[in-house]
């Protein structure tokens, strides 16, 4: 037996489709000559519809019923043709139907409910969550939980009004023209997903980027041009994220056209011309191969828990590569999730990690956390500590780095000095560089199946 959420979901889709079938024959015009959909951040899209119309002299009414359920009414801009003007405008939006809404409308009405192939008919006298309470003709009260189908009368169905936009246009010169309607809508969302495949020799990788486009507007979008505008869009109030109940996936693997820089944002025109309601399509927007990569093994002794400092610590592994200037456009990469795989010499692929990628400016370095290495360890030992005066302390450390792999590596040792206001390194067996006011960096080479050791002495004091 299906769950109550799925049952009601199917009921809602069937019921809503029936309403649209009743309403569609009365449209004045429904199909745009062409539409442009610009999907921006925060689950919002700007839609421009171009509709061919024939105008006569005088005042003429128009009605458009094929509008998305998630449209923002105050964003509608009707751009009239030359020698015309908008005289009035009215919009009605029928929101998605819920179980509670159906119960409120059909309370005290006669309905039929199907549950496990058994039909219950009678007057609806109550409703709570997914329980429908009927007064049957024989006087028996029945409570039906999570029905698989609910049947209403055609007269009752007319209580629902489909969404529409009405306006009156005054024309001073008869003509055939294109009417543009511009509006914002929720429900059209996009997100970015990357895949990075490391070659078996570990020296380069391949980056593949996708846009996942989801349509949750409540209507099918056909004969459209779809664009993605990547950037930080300022809005007075951030809209709620759309959480689809139905997910249909299909893939379009054709590459996108050259992106464009629009102000401080980036516009991607997708090779996509239609998307059905509650459908998700995936479009490739980036293919870049043979990207040089750098492996970084990082050890931070001061961040190791005190009880674990007496044992070797597995080092953190970081993968770094530069943002590829794809298509020679020198554009930033949109933020999104990036999944890292590695290929071995037998062409077998293993999963390494997932990371969230922020917006990466052109030519900037991308840094991915691959977790911790099972083959490289670090251990810091305090060999001496003295207090020449109450405000001065001198410490000496020895750091051991072991590499159990069959190739040499470089390890970054980051030490944070936070105990005192001031510090200075008195002696170090390796070169070092000061990263900031409290951090110093040691770069240590470690041979294959080898070990490296270095020492340093630091003095702290307070003013």
Protein backbone atom coordinates (compact mmCIF):
# COMPACT_ATOMS: atom_id res chain seq x y z
CA UNK A 1 0.00 0.00 0.00
CA UNK A 2 1.36 3.44 -0.86
CA UNK A 3 2.08 6.07 1.75
CA UNK A 4 -0.44 8.82 2.45
CA UNK A 5 1.89 11.50 1.07
CA UNK A 6 2.23 9.71 -2.29
CA UNK A 7 -1.52 9.02 -2.44
CA UNK A 8 -2.45 12.62 -1.87
CA UNK A 9 0.29 13.75 -4.24
CA UNK A 10 -1.19 11.67 -7.08
CA UNK A 11 -4.65 12.89 -6.16
CA UNK A 12 -3.51 16.51 -6.28
CA UNK A 13 -1.81 16.14 -9.66
CA UNK A 14 -4.82 14.36 -11.20
CA UNK A 15 -7.26 16.84 -9.70
CA UNK A 16 -5.28 19.87 -10.81
CA UNK A 17 -4.85 18.50 -14.32
CA UNK A 18 -8.63 18.10 -14.56
CA UNK A 19 -9.12 21.75 -13.62
CA UNK A 20 -6.67 22.89 -16.30
CA UNK A 21 -8.43 20.78 -18.92
CA UNK A 22 -11.66 22.57 -18.08
CA UNK A 23 -10.04 25.99 -18.22
CA UNK A 24 -7.76 25.79 -21.24
CA UNK A 25 -10.41 26.04 -23.99
CA UNK A 26 -11.30 29.57 -22.87
CA UNK A 27 -7.85 31.10 -23.30
CA UNK A 28 -7.51 34.23 -25.39
CA UNK A 29 -3.87 33.43 -26.00
CA UNK A 30 -1.72 30.88 -24.24
CA UNK A 31 1.47 30.15 -26.19
CA UNK A 32 4.15 32.77 -26.42
CA UNK A 33 6.02 33.26 -29.66
CA UNK A 34 9.19 32.92 -27.58
CA UNK A 35 10.08 33.28 -23.92
CA UNK A 36 13.33 34.02 -22.16
CA UNK A 37 13.84 32.61 -18.67
CA UNK A 38 16.76 33.98 -16.64
CA UNK A 39 17.24 31.87 -13.52
CA UNK A 40 18.96 33.79 -10.75
CA UNK A 41 20.12 32.88 -7.27
CA UNK A 42 17.71 32.44 -4.32
CA UNK A 43 15.25 30.30 -6.32
CA UNK A 44 13.91 33.15 -8.41
CA UNK A 45 13.63 33.60 -12.19
CA UNK A 46 12.89 36.54 -14.47
CA UNK A 47 10.60 35.51 -17.33
CA UNK A 48 10.05 37.57 -20.48
CA UNK A 49 7.23 36.32 -22.71
CA UNK A 50 6.73 37.66 -26.22
CA UNK A 51 3.19 37.11 -27.53
CA UNK A 52 1.94 38.01 -31.03
CA UNK A 53 -1.34 39.95 -30.99
CA UNK A 54 -3.59 41.67 -33.53
CA UNK A 55 -4.86 45.06 -32.35
CA UNK A 56 -7.86 47.05 -33.48
CA UNK A 57 -8.69 50.65 -32.72
CA UNK A 58 -10.07 51.22 -29.23
CA UNK A 59 -10.11 49.35 -25.94
CA UNK A 60 -9.54 45.58 -26.09
CA UNK A 61 -9.55 43.03 -23.24
CA UNK A 62 -6.96 40.24 -23.01
CA UNK A 63 -6.69 37.24 -20.77
CA UNK A 64 -3.71 34.97 -20.14
CA UNK A 65 -4.25 31.79 -18.12
CA UNK A 66 -0.97 29.94 -18.62
CA UNK A 67 0.94 31.62 -15.79
CA UNK A 68 3.02 29.90 -13.09
CA UNK A 69 1.51 29.26 -9.67
CA UNK A 70 4.62 30.72 -8.00
CA UNK A 71 4.51 34.08 -9.82
CA UNK A 72 5.14 37.24 -7.77
CA UNK A 73 2.07 39.40 -8.54
CA UNK A 74 3.73 42.74 -7.80
CA UNK A 75 6.55 41.99 -10.26
CA UNK A 76 4.35 41.81 -13.39
CA UNK A 77 5.28 44.36 -16.06
CA UNK A 78 3.18 44.47 -19.24
CA UNK A 79 5.20 46.27 -21.92
CA UNK A 80 2.69 47.48 -24.53
CA UNK A 81 3.51 47.89 -28.24
CA UNK A 82 3.88 51.37 -29.77
CA UNK A 83 0.71 53.50 -29.94
CA UNK A 84 -0.91 51.47 -27.13
CA UNK A 85 -1.37 51.83 -23.38
CA UNK A 86 -2.48 49.59 -20.48
CA UNK A 87 -5.78 50.75 -19.01
CA UNK A 88 -6.37 48.10 -16.29
CA UNK A 89 -4.78 44.95 -14.92
CA UNK A 90 -6.08 42.08 -12.75
CA UNK A 91 -4.42 38.83 -11.62
CA UNK A 92 -5.77 35.75 -9.82
CA UNK A 93 -3.49 32.95 -8.60
CA UNK A 94 -4.80 29.54 -7.58
CA UNK A 95 -2.22 28.11 -5.21
CA UNK A 96 -1.38 24.43 -5.00
CA UNK A 97 -4.22 22.32 -3.58
CA UNK A 98 -3.71 20.78 -0.16
CA UNK A 99 -5.70 18.15 1.70
CA UNK A 100 -6.88 20.76 4.19
CA UNK A 101 -8.05 23.04 1.37
CA UNK A 102 -10.09 20.25 -0.21
CA UNK A 103 -11.74 19.43 3.09
CA UNK A 104 -12.69 23.07 3.74
CA UNK A 105 -14.24 23.46 0.30
CA UNK A 106 -16.16 20.15 0.22
CA UNK A 107 -17.30 20.01 3.84
CA UNK A 108 -21.01 18.96 3.96
CA UNK A 109 -20.80 17.92 0.29
CA UNK A 110 -21.37 14.41 -1.07
CA UNK A 111 -18.13 12.72 -2.10
CA UNK A 112 -16.86 9.20 -2.80
CA UNK A 113 -13.63 7.79 -1.34
CA UNK A 114 -11.76 4.70 -2.53
CA UNK A 115 -9.69 2.81 0.04
CA UNK A 116 -8.17 -0.65 -0.62
CA UNK A 117 -10.60 -1.20 -3.54
CA UNK A 118 -13.57 -0.43 -1.24
CA UNK A 119 -15.80 2.54 -2.07
CA UNK A 120 -17.18 4.83 0.65
CA UNK A 121 -19.85 7.38 -0.32
CA UNK A 122 -21.62 10.00 1.75
CA UNK A 123 -21.52 13.50 3.16
CA UNK A 124 -18.16 14.83 4.34
CA UNK A 125 -18.70 15.93 7.94
CA UNK A 126 -15.13 16.19 9.20
CA UNK A 127 -11.43 16.03 8.36
CA UNK A 128 -8.28 15.76 10.45
CA UNK A 129 -4.85 15.45 8.85
CA UNK A 130 -5.31 12.48 6.43
CA UNK A 131 -8.54 11.16 8.01
CA UNK A 132 -11.82 11.81 6.15
CA UNK A 133 -15.06 11.35 8.13
CA UNK A 134 -18.19 10.50 6.10
CA UNK A 135 -21.88 10.25 7.02
CA UNK A 136 -23.05 7.43 4.74
CA UNK A 137 -26.63 7.18 3.38
CA UNK A 138 -27.45 4.37 5.83
CA UNK A 139 -26.55 6.66 8.75
CA UNK A 140 -23.22 4.92 9.43
CA UNK A 141 -20.24 7.16 10.25
CA UNK A 142 -17.01 6.06 8.58
CA UNK A 143 -13.49 7.38 9.13
CA UNK A 144 -11.23 6.70 6.13
CA UNK A 145 -7.48 7.15 6.68
CA UNK A 146 -5.20 8.02 3.75
CA UNK A 147 -7.57 7.26 0.87
CA UNK A 148 -6.11 6.26 -2.48
CA UNK A 149 -8.69 8.24 -4.49
CA UNK A 150 -11.34 10.90 -3.80
CA UNK A 151 -14.14 11.68 -6.26
CA UNK A 152 -16.00 15.00 -6.34
CA UNK A 153 -18.92 16.26 -8.38
CA UNK A 154 -18.30 18.39 -11.47
CA UNK A 155 -20.32 21.16 -9.88
CA UNK A 156 -17.97 21.19 -6.91
CA UNK A 157 -14.93 21.30 -9.17
CA UNK A 158 -16.12 24.61 -10.59
CA UNK A 159 -15.40 26.19 -7.20
CA UNK A 160 -11.74 26.28 -8.25
CA UNK A 161 -10.63 29.09 -10.53
CA UNK A 162 -7.48 28.57 -12.55
CA UNK A 163 -4.83 31.27 -12.42
CA UNK A 164 -5.22 34.09 -14.93
CA UNK A 165 -3.98 37.54 -15.84
CA UNK A 166 -6.52 40.01 -17.28
CA UNK A 167 -5.77 43.44 -18.70
CA UNK A 168 -7.23 45.99 -21.11
CA UNK A 169 -5.16 47.55 -23.85
CA UNK A 170 -6.08 50.78 -25.65
CA UNK A 171 -4.84 51.02 -29.24
CA UNK A 172 -4.80 54.24 -31.28
CA UNK A 173 -3.44 52.60 -34.44
CA UNK A 174 -4.54 49.11 -35.69
CA UNK A 175 -1.54 46.82 -36.03
CA UNK A 176 0.01 43.40 -35.57
CA UNK A 177 2.54 43.59 -32.78
CA UNK A 178 4.44 41.70 -30.12
CA UNK A 179 3.29 42.11 -26.53
CA UNK A 180 5.95 41.57 -23.85
CA UNK A 181 5.03 40.40 -20.36
CA UNK A 182 7.83 40.39 -17.76
CA UNK A 183 7.52 38.88 -14.28
CA UNK A 184 9.42 37.15 -11.48
CA UNK A 185 8.54 33.67 -10.29
CA UNK A 186 9.68 31.20 -7.67
CA UNK A 187 9.91 27.49 -8.37
CA UNK A 188 12.56 27.66 -11.09
CA UNK A 189 15.74 26.75 -9.27
CA UNK A 190 19.26 25.82 -10.27
CA UNK A 191 22.30 24.49 -8.52
CA UNK A 192 25.82 23.69 -9.59
CA UNK A 193 27.48 20.29 -9.30
CA UNK A 194 31.09 19.54 -10.21
CA UNK A 195 33.02 16.33 -10.71
CA UNK A 196 36.81 16.23 -10.46
CA UNK A 197 38.51 13.07 -11.70
CA UNK A 198 42.15 12.57 -10.71
CA UNK A 199 44.29 10.64 -13.16
CA UNK A 200 46.10 7.50 -12.04
CA UNK A 201 49.53 9.22 -12.08
CA UNK A 202 48.16 11.86 -9.59
CA UNK A 203 49.61 14.79 -11.54
CA UNK A 204 46.50 16.14 -13.27
CA UNK A 205 42.74 15.94 -13.23
CA UNK A 206 39.59 16.56 -15.28
CA UNK A 207 36.90 19.01 -14.13
CA UNK A 208 33.28 18.63 -15.27
CA UNK A 209 30.54 21.09 -14.27
CA UNK A 210 26.75 20.70 -14.45
CA UNK A 211 23.76 22.94 -13.94
CA UNK A 212 20.81 21.06 -12.40
CA UNK A 213 17.65 22.90 -13.49
CA UNK A 214 14.35 22.17 -11.70
CA UNK A 215 10.91 23.40 -12.72
CA UNK A 216 8.45 23.71 -9.85
CA UNK A 217 6.40 26.62 -11.19
CA UNK A 218 3.22 24.59 -11.69
CA UNK A 219 3.30 24.76 -15.50
CA UNK A 220 5.26 23.32 -18.42
CA UNK A 221 7.76 25.65 -20.07
CA UNK A 222 8.09 25.05 -23.81
CA UNK A 223 9.69 27.05 -26.65
CA UNK A 224 11.87 28.97 -24.19
CA UNK A 225 15.41 30.20 -23.99
CA UNK A 226 16.94 29.40 -20.59
CA UNK A 227 19.75 31.43 -19.02
CA UNK A 228 21.49 31.07 -15.67
CA UNK A 229 22.67 34.27 -14.00
CA UNK A 230 25.42 33.46 -11.51
CA UNK A 231 26.17 36.14 -8.95
CA UNK A 232 24.96 37.74 -5.73
CA UNK A 233 21.50 39.21 -6.37
CA UNK A 234 20.21 41.76 -3.86
CA UNK A 235 16.62 41.19 -2.76
CA UNK A 236 14.55 42.81 -0.05
CA UNK A 237 13.45 39.41 1.26
CA UNK A 238 15.00 36.06 0.38
CA UNK A 239 12.34 33.63 -0.93
CA UNK A 240 11.82 30.21 0.60
CA UNK A 241 13.65 27.33 -1.09
CA UNK A 242 11.49 25.06 -3.22
CA UNK A 243 11.34 21.47 -2.04
CA UNK A 244 9.85 19.31 -4.82
CA UNK A 245 7.72 16.30 -3.98
CA UNK A 246 8.20 14.71 -7.42
CA UNK A 247 11.58 14.40 -9.12
CA UNK A 248 11.88 13.40 -12.78
CA UNK A 249 15.37 13.46 -14.23
CA UNK A 250 16.62 13.65 -17.78
CA UNK A 251 20.02 14.66 -19.12
CA UNK A 252 21.10 17.08 -21.82
CA UNK A 253 24.80 16.65 -22.56
CA UNK A 254 25.22 19.36 -25.20
CA UNK A 255 27.70 22.11 -24.21
CA UNK A 256 26.44 25.60 -23.45
CA UNK A 257 27.23 28.69 -25.49
CA UNK A 258 29.92 31.15 -24.43
CA UNK A 259 28.94 32.78 -21.11
CA UNK A 260 28.76 36.55 -20.86
CA UNK A 261 29.73 39.01 -18.15
CA UNK A 262 26.65 41.04 -17.18
CA UNK A 263 27.68 43.74 -14.73
CA UNK A 264 29.18 41.87 -11.77
CA UNK A 265 27.42 38.61 -12.70
CA UNK A 266 27.85 35.87 -15.28
CA UNK A 267 25.12 34.82 -17.74
CA UNK A 268 25.08 31.25 -19.11
CA UNK A 269 22.76 30.52 -22.06
CA UNK A 270 21.71 26.87 -21.89
CA UNK A 271 20.99 24.53 -24.86
CA UNK A 272 17.53 23.97 -23.39
CA UNK A 273 14.18 24.85 -24.95
CA UNK A 274 11.60 23.14 -22.75
CA UNK A 275 11.19 21.76 -19.25
CA UNK A 276 8.07 20.09 -17.90
CA UNK A 277 6.52 20.89 -14.54
CA UNK A 278 8.22 18.99 -11.68
CA UNK A 279 11.06 17.92 -14.00
CA UNK A 280 14.80 18.30 -13.43
CA UNK A 281 17.26 18.56 -16.30
CA UNK A 282 21.03 18.48 -16.10
CA UNK A 283 23.12 20.56 -18.50
CA UNK A 284 26.90 20.48 -18.89
CA UNK A 285 28.44 23.96 -18.69
CA UNK A 286 32.12 23.19 -18.11
CA UNK A 287 34.60 20.65 -19.48
CA UNK A 288 38.26 21.13 -18.67
CA UNK A 289 40.92 18.43 -18.95
CA UNK A 290 44.54 17.92 -17.88
CA UNK A 291 44.42 20.46 -15.04
CA UNK A 292 47.69 20.38 -13.05
CA UNK A 293 47.06 19.54 -9.40
CA UNK A 294 49.08 19.84 -6.21
CA UNK A 295 48.85 17.50 -3.21
CA UNK A 296 49.34 19.14 0.17
CA UNK A 297 49.77 17.22 3.42
CA UNK A 298 49.08 19.49 6.36
CA UNK A 299 49.95 19.05 10.02
CA UNK A 300 48.74 21.42 12.76
CA UNK A 301 50.21 20.26 16.08
CA UNK A 302 48.52 22.90 18.24
CA UNK A 303 45.05 21.81 17.06
CA UNK A 304 45.55 18.19 18.12
CA UNK A 305 43.69 17.30 21.30
CA UNK A 306 45.99 17.24 24.32
CA UNK A 307 45.39 13.55 25.06
CA UNK A 308 46.32 12.61 21.46
CA UNK A 309 49.55 14.63 21.24
CA UNK A 310 51.61 11.68 22.46
CA UNK A 311 50.61 9.56 19.45
CA UNK A 312 51.20 10.04 15.70
CA UNK A 313 48.47 12.03 13.96
CA UNK A 314 47.27 11.24 10.45
CA UNK A 315 47.83 14.32 8.31
CA UNK A 316 45.14 16.26 6.53
CA UNK A 317 45.21 15.95 2.71
CA UNK A 318 44.42 18.99 0.56
CA UNK A 319 44.07 19.03 -3.23
CA UNK A 320 44.83 22.34 -4.95
CA UNK A 321 44.40 23.43 -8.56
CA UNK A 322 43.78 26.70 -10.36
CA UNK A 323 40.39 27.77 -11.66
CA UNK A 324 40.62 26.85 -15.35
CA UNK A 325 39.94 29.81 -17.65
CA UNK A 326 37.39 27.75 -19.53
CA UNK A 327 36.45 28.88 -23.01
CA UNK A 328 39.18 31.54 -22.59
CA UNK A 329 36.54 33.79 -21.00
CA UNK A 330 38.34 34.19 -17.63
CA UNK A 331 35.07 33.92 -15.71
CA UNK A 332 34.42 32.82 -12.12
CA UNK A 333 33.06 29.37 -11.31
CA UNK A 334 29.58 29.35 -9.69
CA UNK A 335 29.32 27.94 -6.18
CA UNK A 336 28.16 24.35 -5.78
CA UNK A 337 29.02 20.86 -4.59
CA UNK A 338 32.13 19.19 -6.00
CA UNK A 339 32.67 15.43 -5.90
CA UNK A 340 36.22 14.08 -6.22
CA UNK A 341 37.05 10.70 -7.75
CA UNK A 342 40.41 9.06 -8.47
CA UNK A 343 41.27 6.62 -11.23
CA UNK A 344 43.86 3.87 -10.84
CA UNK A 345 46.06 2.22 -13.50
CA UNK A 346 43.32 -0.35 -14.26
CA UNK A 347 40.85 2.48 -15.02
CA UNK A 348 38.88 1.75 -11.84
CA UNK A 349 37.41 4.80 -10.12
CA UNK A 350 37.10 5.35 -6.38
CA UNK A 351 35.27 8.07 -4.44
CA UNK A 352 37.53 10.40 -2.42
CA UNK A 353 35.48 13.27 -1.00
CA UNK A 354 32.77 15.88 -1.40
CA UNK A 355 33.24 19.60 -0.77
CA UNK A 356 31.26 22.80 -1.10
CA UNK A 357 32.86 25.07 -3.66
CA UNK A 358 32.34 28.82 -3.12
CA UNK A 359 32.34 31.25 -6.04
CA UNK A 360 35.91 31.05 -7.41
CA UNK A 361 37.23 34.16 -9.21
CA UNK A 362 39.21 33.67 -12.44
CA UNK A 363 42.71 32.20 -12.01
CA UNK A 364 42.23 31.76 -8.26
CA UNK A 365 43.27 28.55 -6.56
CA UNK A 366 40.69 25.93 -5.59
CA UNK A 367 41.41 24.04 -2.39
CA UNK A 368 39.57 20.79 -1.59
CA UNK A 369 39.68 18.82 1.65
CA UNK A 370 40.23 15.11 0.95
CA UNK A 371 40.16 14.01 4.58
CA UNK A 372 43.17 12.45 6.33
CA UNK A 373 45.92 10.27 4.95
CA UNK A 374 46.36 6.69 6.17
CA UNK A 375 50.00 6.71 5.03
CA UNK A 376 51.41 10.01 6.36
CA UNK A 377 51.68 10.81 10.07
CA UNK A 378 53.08 13.59 12.22
CA UNK A 379 54.17 13.79 15.85
CA UNK A 380 55.33 16.81 17.85
CA UNK A 381 57.37 16.37 21.05
CA UNK A 382 58.19 19.10 23.54
CA UNK A 383 61.85 18.59 24.46
CA UNK A 384 62.33 21.55 26.80
CA UNK A 385 60.49 24.35 28.61
CA UNK A 386 62.01 27.14 30.72
CA UNK A 387 60.76 30.31 32.44
CA UNK A 388 63.58 32.88 32.65
CA UNK A 389 61.10 35.34 34.23
CA UNK A 390 57.40 35.38 35.17
CA UNK A 391 56.49 37.01 31.82
CA UNK A 392 58.82 34.98 29.59
CA UNK A 393 58.66 31.33 28.52
CA UNK A 394 60.96 29.43 26.15
CA UNK A 395 59.88 26.11 24.54
CA UNK A 396 61.76 23.67 22.31
CA UNK A 397 60.02 21.18 19.99
CA UNK A 398 60.97 18.31 17.71
CA UNK A 399 58.57 17.31 14.90
CA UNK A 400 58.61 13.85 13.28
CA UNK A 401 56.98 13.31 9.87
CA UNK A 402 56.69 9.81 8.37
CA UNK A 403 55.72 8.93 4.79
CA UNK A 404 54.71 5.31 4.13
CA UNK A 405 54.01 5.88 0.42
CA UNK A 406 56.20 4.96 -2.54
CA UNK A 407 56.62 8.56 -3.73
CA UNK A 408 58.07 11.68 -2.05
CA UNK A 409 55.77 14.37 -0.64
CA UNK A 410 55.87 17.87 0.87
CA UNK A 411 54.27 18.55 4.23
CA UNK A 412 53.05 21.90 5.52
CA UNK A 413 53.43 22.23 9.29
CA UNK A 414 51.35 25.12 10.63
CA UNK A 415 52.08 26.09 14.21
CA UNK A 416 49.83 28.55 16.06
CA UNK A 417 51.34 30.56 18.93
CA UNK A 418 48.43 31.78 21.04
CA UNK A 419 49.78 31.50 24.58
CA UNK A 420 51.30 34.97 24.85
CA UNK A 421 50.97 38.39 23.25
CA UNK A 422 54.39 38.23 21.58
CA UNK A 423 56.58 35.46 20.20
CA UNK A 424 59.74 34.92 18.21
CA UNK A 425 61.57 31.87 16.91
CA UNK A 426 65.05 31.71 18.40
CA UNK A 427 66.28 28.69 16.46
CA UNK A 428 64.93 26.46 13.66
CA UNK A 429 66.60 23.71 11.64
CA UNK A 430 64.47 24.56 8.59
CA UNK A 431 63.45 27.80 6.83
CA UNK A 432 60.05 29.09 7.87
CA UNK A 433 57.68 31.93 6.99
CA UNK A 434 55.34 33.99 9.16
CA UNK A 435 51.75 33.60 7.92
CA UNK A 436 50.07 36.05 10.31
CA UNK A 437 50.41 37.48 13.81
CA UNK A 438 50.07 34.06 15.48
CA UNK A 439 50.97 31.47 12.81
CA UNK A 440 54.22 30.20 11.31
CA UNK A 441 54.59 27.81 8.35
CA UNK A 442 57.27 25.14 7.88
CA UNK A 443 57.58 23.39 4.49
CA UNK A 444 59.12 19.97 4.96
CA UNK A 445 60.07 17.50 2.17
CA UNK A 446 59.68 13.81 3.08
CA UNK A 447 61.17 11.07 0.92
CA UNK A 448 59.34 7.91 -0.21
CA UNK A 449 59.07 5.43 2.68
CA UNK A 450 61.09 7.92 4.69
CA UNK A 451 61.03 10.21 7.71
CA UNK A 452 61.90 13.88 8.21
CA UNK A 453 62.67 15.56 11.51
CA UNK A 454 63.17 19.21 12.39
CA UNK A 455 63.49 21.22 15.58
CA UNK A 456 62.65 24.76 16.58
CA UNK A 457 62.77 26.92 19.70
CA UNK A 458 60.32 29.72 20.40
CA UNK A 459 60.22 32.43 23.07
CA UNK A 460 56.98 34.00 24.35
CA UNK A 461 56.65 37.13 26.42
CA UNK A 462 54.02 39.53 27.68
CA UNK A 463 54.31 43.29 27.94
